[in-house]
Amino acid sequence: MATFPSSDWTRKSGDIFEAARRGPVTITQRKRPAFVVMTVDEFQRLTATDTRRHYTIDTLPDELFAKAEAEIARLKREHEE
């Protein structure tokens, strides 16, 4: 990850933006990481809501339960052959 001191923000903003196109950029203050600059696409990728769900056997929707049952039966048949 590219790193720039905050004092470069106004003098080298073009360099910072160009580096951010390649990947996140750390901006430091007093030699310590303070901010990150990145593309909007990268930010959206990192903050996208995870749509995966988890269930217990008691909360599994009927449709998914039926699919799981069918797959177990298929695997059982396949194993018996």
N, C-alpha and C. Protein backbone atom coordinates (compact mmCIF):
# COMPACT_ATOMS: atom_id res chain seq x y z
N MET A 1 0.85 -1.17 0.00
CA MET A 1 0.00 0.00 0.00
C MET A 1 0.90 1.23 0.00
N ALA A 2 0.62 2.14 -0.91
CA ALA A 2 1.39 3.38 -0.98
C ALA A 2 1.09 4.23 0.25
N THR A 3 2.09 5.01 0.67
CA THR A 3 1.94 5.86 1.85
C THR A 3 2.46 7.26 1.53
N PHE A 4 1.70 8.26 1.94
CA PHE A 4 2.10 9.66 1.76
C PHE A 4 1.86 10.39 3.07
N PRO A 5 2.74 11.32 3.43
CA PRO A 5 2.47 12.16 4.61
C PRO A 5 1.37 13.16 4.26
N SER A 6 0.63 13.60 5.26
CA SER A 6 -0.47 14.54 5.01
C SER A 6 0.02 15.84 4.39
N SER A 7 1.28 16.19 4.61
CA SER A 7 1.82 17.42 4.02
C SER A 7 1.86 17.34 2.49
N ASP A 8 1.82 16.13 1.92
CA ASP A 8 1.81 15.97 0.46
C ASP A 8 0.43 16.14 -0.14
N TRP A 9 -0.61 16.22 0.69
CA TRP A 9 -1.98 16.23 0.18
C TRP A 9 -2.20 17.33 -0.85
N THR A 10 -1.77 18.54 -0.60
CA THR A 10 -2.01 19.62 -1.56
C THR A 10 -0.93 19.66 -2.64
N ARG A 11 0.30 19.34 -2.30
CA ARG A 11 1.39 19.43 -3.27
C ARG A 11 1.43 18.25 -4.23
N LYS A 12 1.00 17.09 -3.80
CA LYS A 12 1.11 15.88 -4.62
C LYS A 12 -0.21 15.14 -4.75
N SER A 13 -1.31 15.88 -4.77
CA SER A 13 -2.61 15.21 -4.83
C SER A 13 -2.75 14.36 -6.08
N GLY A 14 -2.20 14.81 -7.18
CA GLY A 14 -2.25 14.02 -8.42
C GLY A 14 -1.56 12.67 -8.25
N ASP A 15 -0.40 12.66 -7.60
CA ASP A 15 0.32 11.41 -7.34
C ASP A 15 -0.47 10.50 -6.40
N ILE A 16 -1.11 11.11 -5.41
CA ILE A 16 -1.90 10.33 -4.46
C ILE A 16 -3.08 9.70 -5.17
N PHE A 17 -3.80 10.47 -6.00
CA PHE A 17 -4.95 9.92 -6.72
C PHE A 17 -4.52 8.84 -7.70
N GLU A 18 -3.41 9.03 -8.35
CA GLU A 18 -2.91 8.01 -9.28
C GLU A 18 -2.56 6.73 -8.53
N ALA A 19 -1.93 6.85 -7.39
CA ALA A 19 -1.60 5.67 -6.58
C ALA A 19 -2.88 4.99 -6.10
N ALA A 20 -3.91 5.79 -5.76
CA ALA A 20 -5.18 5.23 -5.27
C ALA A 20 -5.90 4.46 -6.37
N ARG A 21 -5.66 4.80 -7.63
CA ARG A 21 -6.25 4.03 -8.73
C ARG A 21 -5.68 2.62 -8.77
N ARG A 22 -4.46 2.45 -8.29
CA ARG A 22 -3.80 1.14 -8.28
C ARG A 22 -4.11 0.35 -7.01
N GLY A 23 -4.49 1.04 -5.94
CA GLY A 23 -4.79 0.38 -4.68
C GLY A 23 -4.92 1.40 -3.57
N PRO A 24 -5.42 1.00 -2.42
CA PRO A 24 -5.59 1.94 -1.30
C PRO A 24 -4.27 2.64 -0.93
N VAL A 25 -4.38 3.89 -0.53
CA VAL A 25 -3.23 4.71 -0.15
C VAL A 25 -3.39 5.16 1.29
N THR A 26 -2.35 5.00 2.08
CA THR A 26 -2.36 5.47 3.46
C THR A 26 -1.84 6.89 3.52
N ILE A 27 -2.55 7.74 4.23
CA ILE A 27 -2.10 9.12 4.49
C ILE A 27 -1.71 9.16 5.96
N THR A 28 -0.50 9.59 6.23
CA THR A 28 -0.01 9.61 7.60
C THR A 28 -0.02 11.03 8.17
N GLN A 29 -0.15 11.11 9.47
CA GLN A 29 0.02 12.35 10.20
C GLN A 29 0.96 12.05 11.35
N ARG A 30 2.01 12.83 11.45
CA ARG A 30 3.05 12.61 12.46
C ARG A 30 3.59 11.18 12.39
N LYS A 31 3.77 10.72 11.14
CA LYS A 31 4.35 9.41 10.83
C LYS A 31 3.47 8.23 11.25
N ARG A 32 2.20 8.50 11.56
CA ARG A 32 1.28 7.43 11.93
C ARG A 32 0.13 7.39 10.93
N PRO A 33 -0.31 6.20 10.54
CA PRO A 33 -1.44 6.09 9.60
C PRO A 33 -2.67 6.82 10.15
N ALA A 34 -3.29 7.65 9.31
CA ALA A 34 -4.44 8.43 9.76
C ALA A 34 -5.66 8.26 8.85
N PHE A 35 -5.43 8.12 7.54
CA PHE A 35 -6.52 8.03 6.57
C PHE A 35 -6.15 7.04 5.48
N VAL A 36 -7.18 6.61 4.76
CA VAL A 36 -6.97 5.77 3.58
C VAL A 36 -7.74 6.39 2.43
N VAL A 37 -7.09 6.49 1.28
CA VAL A 37 -7.73 6.98 0.06
C VAL A 37 -7.83 5.80 -0.88
N MET A 38 -9.03 5.62 -1.46
CA MET A 38 -9.24 4.51 -2.39
C MET A 38 -10.31 4.89 -3.39
N THR A 39 -10.43 4.09 -4.45
CA THR A 39 -11.47 4.35 -5.43
C THR A 39 -12.84 4.04 -4.82
N VAL A 40 -13.86 4.62 -5.40
CA VAL A 40 -15.23 4.35 -4.96
C VAL A 40 -15.55 2.86 -5.15
N ASP A 41 -15.11 2.29 -6.27
CA ASP A 41 -15.36 0.86 -6.52
C ASP A 41 -14.78 0.00 -5.41
N GLU A 42 -13.56 0.30 -4.99
CA GLU A 42 -12.92 -0.47 -3.92
C GLU A 42 -13.68 -0.27 -2.60
N PHE A 43 -14.08 0.96 -2.32
CA PHE A 43 -14.84 1.23 -1.10
C PHE A 43 -16.16 0.46 -1.10
N GLN A 44 -16.88 0.47 -2.23
CA GLN A 44 -18.15 -0.24 -2.31
C GLN A 44 -17.95 -1.74 -2.17
N ARG A 45 -16.87 -2.27 -2.73
CA ARG A 45 -16.58 -3.69 -2.60
C ARG A 45 -16.36 -4.04 -1.12
N LEU A 46 -15.64 -3.20 -0.42
CA LEU A 46 -15.34 -3.47 0.99
C LEU A 46 -16.54 -3.29 1.91
N THR A 47 -17.47 -2.44 1.52
CA THR A 47 -18.61 -2.16 2.39
C THR A 47 -19.91 -2.83 1.93
N ALA A 48 -19.82 -3.64 0.89
CA ALA A 48 -21.02 -4.33 0.39
C ALA A 48 -21.60 -5.22 1.49
N THR A 49 -22.89 -5.26 1.54
CA THR A 49 -23.57 -6.10 2.53
C THR A 49 -23.44 -7.56 2.14
N ASP A 50 -23.08 -8.35 3.09
CA ASP A 50 -22.97 -9.80 2.87
C ASP A 50 -24.38 -10.37 2.84
N THR A 51 -24.76 -10.97 1.72
CA THR A 51 -26.12 -11.49 1.57
C THR A 51 -26.23 -12.96 1.97
N ARG A 52 -25.12 -13.55 2.41
CA ARG A 52 -25.19 -14.94 2.85
C ARG A 52 -26.01 -15.03 4.13
N ARG A 53 -26.69 -16.15 4.29
CA ARG A 53 -27.50 -16.38 5.48
C ARG A 53 -27.09 -17.69 6.11
N HIS A 54 -27.36 -17.82 7.37
CA HIS A 54 -27.12 -19.10 8.04
C HIS A 54 -28.39 -19.48 8.78
N TYR A 55 -28.58 -20.78 8.89
CA TYR A 55 -29.78 -21.31 9.52
C TYR A 55 -29.42 -22.48 10.41
N THR A 56 -30.30 -22.77 11.34
CA THR A 56 -30.23 -24.04 12.08
C THR A 56 -31.24 -24.96 11.42
N ILE A 57 -31.23 -26.21 11.78
CA ILE A 57 -32.19 -27.14 11.21
C ILE A 57 -33.62 -26.70 11.52
N ASP A 58 -33.81 -26.02 12.64
CA ASP A 58 -35.15 -25.55 13.03
C ASP A 58 -35.60 -24.30 12.28
N THR A 59 -34.65 -23.50 11.80
CA THR A 59 -35.02 -22.25 11.13
C THR A 59 -34.85 -22.32 9.61
N LEU A 60 -34.39 -23.45 9.09
CA LEU A 60 -34.18 -23.60 7.66
C LEU A 60 -35.51 -23.50 6.92
N PRO A 61 -35.64 -22.61 5.94
CA PRO A 61 -36.90 -22.50 5.19
C PRO A 61 -37.22 -23.83 4.50
N ASP A 62 -38.51 -24.10 4.35
CA ASP A 62 -38.96 -25.37 3.76
C ASP A 62 -38.34 -25.62 2.39
N GLU A 63 -38.24 -24.59 1.58
CA GLU A 63 -37.68 -24.74 0.23
C GLU A 63 -36.22 -25.22 0.30
N LEU A 64 -35.43 -24.63 1.17
CA LEU A 64 -34.04 -25.05 1.30
C LEU A 64 -33.92 -26.43 1.94
N PHE A 65 -34.82 -26.73 2.87
CA PHE A 65 -34.83 -28.05 3.49
C PHE A 65 -35.10 -29.12 2.44
N ALA A 66 -36.05 -28.86 1.55
CA ALA A 66 -36.38 -29.81 0.49
C ALA A 66 -35.19 -30.00 -0.45
N LYS A 67 -34.49 -28.93 -0.78
CA LYS A 67 -33.31 -29.04 -1.64
C LYS A 67 -32.22 -29.86 -0.95
N ALA A 68 -32.01 -29.61 0.32
CA ALA A 68 -31.00 -30.37 1.07
C ALA A 68 -31.37 -31.84 1.13
N GLU A 69 -32.64 -32.13 1.38
CA GLU A 69 -33.10 -33.52 1.43
C GLU A 69 -32.88 -34.22 0.10
N ALA A 70 -33.21 -33.53 -0.99
CA ALA A 70 -33.04 -34.11 -2.32
C ALA A 70 -31.57 -34.37 -2.62
N GLU A 71 -30.71 -33.47 -2.23
CA GLU A 71 -29.27 -33.65 -2.47
C GLU A 71 -28.72 -34.80 -1.63
N ILE A 72 -29.16 -34.93 -0.40
CA ILE A 72 -28.72 -36.04 0.45
C ILE A 72 -29.16 -37.36 -0.16
N ALA A 73 -30.41 -37.42 -0.65
CA ALA A 73 -30.90 -38.64 -1.28
C ALA A 73 -30.09 -38.97 -2.53
N ARG A 74 -29.77 -37.95 -3.33
CA ARG A 74 -28.96 -38.17 -4.53
C ARG A 74 -27.58 -38.72 -4.18
N LEU A 75 -26.95 -38.12 -3.20
CA LEU A 75 -25.62 -38.58 -2.78
C LEU A 75 -25.67 -40.00 -2.23
N LYS A 76 -26.73 -40.30 -1.50
CA LYS A 76 -26.90 -41.65 -0.95
C LYS A 76 -27.03 -42.67 -2.08
N ARG A 77 -27.86 -42.36 -3.08
CA ARG A 77 -28.03 -43.25 -4.24
C ARG A 77 -26.70 -43.43 -4.98
N GLU A 78 -26.00 -42.33 -5.17
CA GLU A 78 -24.73 -42.34 -5.88
C GLU A 78 -23.71 -43.23 -5.13
N HIS A 79 -23.73 -43.13 -3.84
CA HIS A 79 -22.79 -43.91 -3.02
C HIS A 79 -23.11 -45.40 -3.04
N GLU A 80 -24.40 -45.73 -3.16
CA GLU A 80 -24.82 -47.12 -3.16
C GLU A 80 -24.51 -47.81 -4.49
N GLU A 81 -24.33 -47.07 -5.54
CA GLU A 81 -24.08 -47.65 -6.87
C GLU A 81 -22.67 -48.18 -7.00
